[in-house]
C-alpha atoms as a PDB file:
ATOM      1  CA  UNK A   1       0.304   0.124   0.091  1.00  0.00           C
ATOM      2  CA  UNK A   2       2.992   2.526   0.891  1.00  0.00           C
ATOM      3  CA  UNK A   3       4.465   2.065  -2.796  1.00  0.00           C
ATOM      4  CA  UNK A   4       1.331   3.018  -4.621  1.00  0.00           C
ATOM      5  CA  UNK A   5       1.053   6.500  -2.851  1.00  0.00           C
ATOM      6  CA  UNK A   6       4.459   7.105  -3.376  1.00  0.00           C
ATOM      7  CA  UNK A   7       3.870   6.519  -7.399  1.00  0.00           C
ATOM      8  CA  UNK A   8       1.030   9.198  -6.650  1.00  0.00           C
ATOM      9  CA  UNK A   9       3.033  11.323  -5.162  1.00  0.00           C
ATOM     10  CA  UNK A  10       5.562  11.557  -8.213  1.00  0.00           C
ATOM     11  CA  UNK A  11       2.865  12.527 -10.753  1.00  0.00           C
ATOM     12  CA  UNK A  12       1.891  15.608  -8.255  1.00  0.00           C
ATOM     13  CA  UNK A  13       5.862  16.256  -7.458  1.00  0.00           C
ATOM     14  CA  UNK A  14       6.530  16.635 -11.127  1.00  0.00           C
ATOM     15  CA  UNK A  15       3.250  18.580 -12.186  1.00  0.00           C
ATOM     16  CA  UNK A  16       4.189  20.958  -8.836  1.00  0.00           C
ATOM     17  CA  UNK A  17       7.673  21.077 -10.042  1.00  0.00           C
ATOM     18  CA  UNK A  18       6.674  22.073 -13.927  1.00  0.00           C
ATOM     19  CA  UNK A  19       4.094  24.309 -12.695  1.00  0.00           C
ATOM     20  CA  UNK A  20       7.096  26.623 -10.184  1.00  0.00           C
ATOM     21  CA  UNK A  21       9.308  26.376 -13.352  1.00  0.00           C
ATOM     22  CA  UNK A  22       6.585  27.876 -15.436  1.00  0.00           C
ATOM     23  CA  UNK A  23       5.673  30.805 -13.151  1.00  0.00           C
ATOM     24  CA  UNK A  24       9.641  31.344 -12.894  1.00  0.00           C
ATOM     25  CA  UNK A  25       9.803  31.372 -16.674  1.00  0.00           C
ATOM     26  CA  UNK A  26       9.856  34.725 -17.866  1.00  0.00           C
ATOM     27  CA  UNK A  27      12.883  35.210 -15.367  1.00  0.00           C
ATOM     28  CA  UNK A  28      14.956  32.823 -16.567  1.00  0.00           C
ATOM     29  CA  UNK A  29      15.245  33.838 -19.921  1.00  0.00           C
ATOM     30  CA  UNK A  30      16.126  37.602 -19.189  1.00  0.00           C
ATOM     31  CA  UNK A  31      19.549  39.079 -18.117  1.00  0.00           C
ATOM     32  CA  UNK A  32      19.636  40.308 -14.510  1.00  0.00           C
ATOM     33  CA  UNK A  33      20.032  43.611 -13.197  1.00  0.00           C
ATOM     34  CA  UNK A  34      23.412  44.482 -12.760  1.00  0.00           C
ATOM     35  CA  UNK A  35      24.642  47.139 -10.911  1.00  0.00           C
ATOM     36  CA  UNK A  36      28.505  47.509 -12.567  1.00  0.00           C
ATOM     37  CA  UNK A  37      26.474  48.218 -16.217  1.00  0.00           C
ATOM     38  CA  UNK A  38      24.204  50.700 -14.555  1.00  0.00           C
ATOM     39  CA  UNK A  39      26.897  52.737 -12.474  1.00  0.00           C
ATOM     40  CA  UNK A  40      28.652  52.420 -16.317  1.00  0.00           C
ATOM     41  CA  UNK A  41      26.187  53.855 -18.153  1.00  0.00           C
ATOM     42  CA  UNK A  42      25.611  56.717 -15.963  1.00  0.00           C
ATOM     43  CA  UNK A  43      28.790  57.558 -15.043  1.00  0.00           C
ATOM     44  CA  UNK A  44      29.523  58.057 -19.227  1.00  0.00           C
ATOM     45  CA  UNK A  45      26.199  59.955 -19.499  1.00  0.00           C
ATOM     46  CA  UNK A  46      27.871  62.661 -17.127  1.00  0.00           C
ATOM     47  CA  UNK A  47      31.180  62.487 -19.049  1.00  0.00           C
ATOM     48  CA  UNK A  48      29.930  62.384 -22.283  1.00  0.00           C
ATOM     49  CA  UNK A  49      27.818  65.811 -21.973  1.00  0.00           C
ATOM     50  CA  UNK A  50      30.570  67.143 -20.195  1.00  0.00           C
ATOM     51  CA  UNK A  51      32.385  66.730 -23.178  1.00  0.00           C
ATOM     52  CA  UNK A  52      29.608  68.766 -25.015  1.00  0.00           C
ATOM     53  CA  UNK A  53      29.575  71.415 -22.284  1.00  0.00           C
ATOM     54  CA  UNK A  54      33.617  71.900 -22.516  1.00  0.00           C
ATOM     55  CA  UNK A  55      33.583  72.352 -26.140  1.00  0.00           C
ATOM     56  CA  UNK A  56      30.644  74.137 -26.862  1.00  0.00           C
ATOM     57  CA  UNK A  57      31.359  77.477 -28.402  1.00  0.00           C
ATOM     58  CA  UNK A  58      30.508  80.835 -25.696  1.00  0.00           C
ATOM     59  CA  UNK A  59      31.163  83.852 -24.736  1.00  0.00           C
ATOM     60  CA  UNK A  60      35.234  83.976 -24.407  1.00  0.00           C
ATOM     61  CA  UNK A  61      35.412  80.814 -25.110  1.00  0.00           C
ATOM     62  CA  UNK A  62      38.283  78.997 -27.222  1.00  0.00           C
ATOM     63  CA  UNK A  63      38.903  75.729 -28.673  1.00  0.00           C
ATOM     64  CA  UNK A  64      42.102  73.800 -26.370  1.00  0.00           C
ATOM     65  CA  UNK A  65      42.702  70.992 -28.832  1.00  0.00           C
ATOM     66  CA  UNK A  66      44.851  69.616 -25.909  1.00  0.00           C
ATOM     67  CA  UNK A  67      42.527  69.502 -23.547  1.00  0.00           C
ATOM     68  CA  UNK A  68      40.102  67.866 -26.373  1.00  0.00           C
ATOM     69  CA  UNK A  69      42.453  65.662 -27.252  1.00  0.00           C
ATOM     70  CA  UNK A  70      42.716  64.519 -23.025  1.00  0.00           C
ATOM     71  CA  UNK A  71      38.885  64.282 -22.550  1.00  0.00           C
ATOM     72  CA  UNK A  72      38.554  62.257 -25.539  1.00  0.00           C
ATOM     73  CA  UNK A  73      41.398  59.614 -24.879  1.00  0.00           C
ATOM     74  CA  UNK A  74      40.061  59.603 -21.067  1.00  0.00           C
ATOM     75  CA  UNK A  75      36.645  58.631 -22.516  1.00  0.00           C
ATOM     76  CA  UNK A  76      37.618  56.037 -25.036  1.00  0.00           C
ATOM     77  CA  UNK A  77      39.509  54.509 -21.915  1.00  0.00           C
ATOM     78  CA  UNK A  78      36.225  54.604 -20.116  1.00  0.00           C
ATOM     79  CA  UNK A  79      34.610  52.933 -22.603  1.00  0.00           C
ATOM     80  CA  UNK A  80      37.161  50.278 -23.403  1.00  0.00           C
ATOM     81  CA  UNK A  81      36.308  49.101 -19.683  1.00  0.00           C
ATOM     82  CA  UNK A  82      32.270  49.782 -20.054  1.00  0.00           C
ATOM     83  CA  UNK A  83      32.447  47.456 -23.328  1.00  0.00           C
ATOM     84  CA  UNK A  84      34.661  44.286 -21.564  1.00  0.00           C
ATOM     85  CA  UNK A  85      32.846  44.943 -18.509  1.00  0.00           C
ATOM     86  CA  UNK A  86      29.341  43.929 -20.821  1.00  0.00           C
ATOM     87  CA  UNK A  87      31.415  41.715 -23.233  1.00  0.00           C
ATOM     88  CA  UNK A  88      32.535  39.575 -19.825  1.00  0.00           C
ATOM     89  CA  UNK A  89      28.546  39.210 -19.056  1.00  0.00           C
ATOM     90  CA  UNK A  90      27.432  38.156 -22.455  1.00  0.00           C
ATOM     91  CA  UNK A  91      24.618  40.307 -22.771  1.00  0.00           C
ATOM     92  CA  UNK A  92      24.125  41.510 -26.198  1.00  0.00           C
ATOM     93  CA  UNK A  93      21.665  43.910 -25.031  1.00  0.00           C
ATOM     94  CA  UNK A  94      24.189  45.423 -22.863  1.00  0.00           C
ATOM     95  CA  UNK A  95      27.364  45.435 -25.351  1.00  0.00           C
ATOM     96  CA  UNK A  96      25.089  46.798 -28.350  1.00  0.00           C
ATOM     97  CA  UNK A  97      23.921  49.878 -26.100  1.00  0.00           C
ATOM     98  CA  UNK A  98      27.128  50.424 -25.013  1.00  0.00           C
ATOM     99  CA  UNK A  99      28.427  50.146 -28.607  1.00  0.00           C
ATOM    100  CA  UNK A 100      26.047  52.762 -29.494  1.00  0.00           C
ATOM    101  CA  UNK A 101      26.385  55.605 -27.214  1.00  0.00           C
ATOM    102  CA  UNK A 102      30.291  54.902 -27.726  1.00  0.00           C
ATOM    103  CA  UNK A 103      30.157  55.863 -31.431  1.00  0.00           C
ATOM    104  CA  UNK A 104      28.149  58.436 -30.701  1.00  0.00           C
ATOM    105  CA  UNK A 105      31.411  60.012 -28.562  1.00  0.00           C
ATOM    106  CA  UNK A 106      33.632  58.799 -30.886  1.00  0.00           C
ATOM    107  CA  UNK A 107      31.478  60.584 -33.698  1.00  0.00           C
ATOM    108  CA  UNK A 108      31.527  64.339 -31.542  1.00  0.00           C
ATOM    109  CA  UNK A 109      35.048  63.945 -30.872  1.00  0.00           C
ATOM    110  CA  UNK A 110      36.079  63.483 -34.409  1.00  0.00           C
ATOM    111  CA  UNK A 111      33.961  66.642 -35.525  1.00  0.00           C
ATOM    112  CA  UNK A 112      35.547  68.742 -32.618  1.00  0.00           C
ATOM    113  CA  UNK A 113      39.400  67.281 -33.482  1.00  0.00           C
ATOM    114  CA  UNK A 114      39.124  67.260 -37.063  1.00  0.00           C
ATOM    115  CA  UNK A 115      37.406  70.699 -37.111  1.00  0.00           C
ATOM    116  CA  UNK A 116      39.737  71.867 -34.585  1.00  0.00           C
ATOM    117  CA  UNK A 117      36.510  73.976 -33.199  1.00  0.00           C
ATOM    118  CA  UNK A 118      34.356  74.311 -30.460  1.00  0.00           C
ATOM    119  CA  UNK A 119      30.087  72.827 -31.268  1.00  0.00           C
ATOM    120  CA  UNK A 120      27.912  75.306 -32.358  1.00  0.00           C
ATOM    121  CA  UNK A 121      25.747  76.693 -29.232  1.00  0.00           C
ATOM    122  CA  UNK A 122      22.397  74.774 -31.056  1.00  0.00           C
ATOM    123  CA  UNK A 123      24.567  71.838 -32.293  1.00  0.00           C
ATOM    124  CA  UNK A 124      25.826  71.584 -29.087  1.00  0.00           C
ATOM    125  CA  UNK A 125      22.495  71.814 -27.200  1.00  0.00           C
ATOM    126  CA  UNK A 126      20.345  69.417 -29.507  1.00  0.00           C
ATOM    127  CA  UNK A 127      23.202  66.783 -29.071  1.00  0.00           C
ATOM    128  CA  UNK A 128      23.225  66.812 -25.080  1.00  0.00           C
ATOM    129  CA  UNK A 129      19.342  66.389 -25.126  1.00  0.00           C
ATOM    130  CA  UNK A 130      20.116  63.337 -27.818  1.00  0.00           C
ATOM    131  CA  UNK A 131      22.228  61.843 -25.432  1.00  0.00           C
ATOM    132  CA  UNK A 132      20.590  62.498 -22.290  1.00  0.00           C
ATOM    133  CA  UNK A 133      18.062  60.812 -24.269  1.00  0.00           C
ATOM    134  CA  UNK A 134      19.775  57.857 -25.250  1.00  0.00           C
ATOM    135  CA  UNK A 135      21.671  57.250 -21.984  1.00  0.00           C
ATOM    136  CA  UNK A 136      18.075  57.713 -20.259  1.00  0.00           C
ATOM    137  CA  UNK A 137      17.085  54.683 -22.509  1.00  0.00           C
ATOM    138  CA  UNK A 138      20.196  52.256 -21.946  1.00  0.00           C
ATOM    139  CA  UNK A 139      19.560  53.455 -17.522  1.00  0.00           C
ATOM    140  CA  UNK A 140      16.222  52.042 -18.164  1.00  0.00           C
ATOM    141  CA  UNK A 141      16.437  49.063 -19.978  1.00  0.00           C
ATOM    142  CA  UNK A 142      18.996  48.189 -17.406  1.00  0.00           C
ATOM    143  CA  UNK A 143      16.785  49.342 -14.690  1.00  0.00           C
ATOM    144  CA  UNK A 144      13.838  47.691 -16.343  1.00  0.00           C
ATOM    145  CA  UNK A 145      15.768  43.725 -15.947  1.00  0.00           C
ATOM    146  CA  UNK A 146      14.534  40.986 -13.293  1.00  0.00           C
ATOM    147  CA  UNK A 147      15.995  41.932  -9.769  1.00  0.00           C
ATOM    148  CA  UNK A 148      16.698  45.925 -10.021  1.00  0.00           C
ATOM    149  CA  UNK A 149      15.761  48.049  -6.959  1.00  0.00           C
ATOM    150  CA  UNK A 150      12.800  49.380  -7.589  1.00  0.00           C
ATOM    151  CA  UNK A 151      12.594  52.936  -6.779  1.00  0.00           C
END
């Protein structure tokens, strides 16, 4: 009689196990929140916006090639660190997000260094709005992941 109860409980245990996996299924296929990635996105955003602000035409401002080159080189290192971190996490969504904002940063540096002049005020203002939006989308994407702290 005891053997019959064991056989009857196996399908029940199996059904409960399947139900538990099904209820947690979404979390199995979605990458989890990563505080390191969040930190990279927020610090890159601040650095990128500052590059544009520092190289925005204004009264009495002059283009400083050496200072801009140092800022672009420093930014390049920051992006490489963020890329290596994202690649190490093996999450293509993070990798693509960093690649996208990195490419914009490269274009901004190239534009100011090749032209050897400051960004026009209107151009810089629009770039800052666009860049903030791009980073905010990446940050929101990170914040929407499983396990992200609630605000």
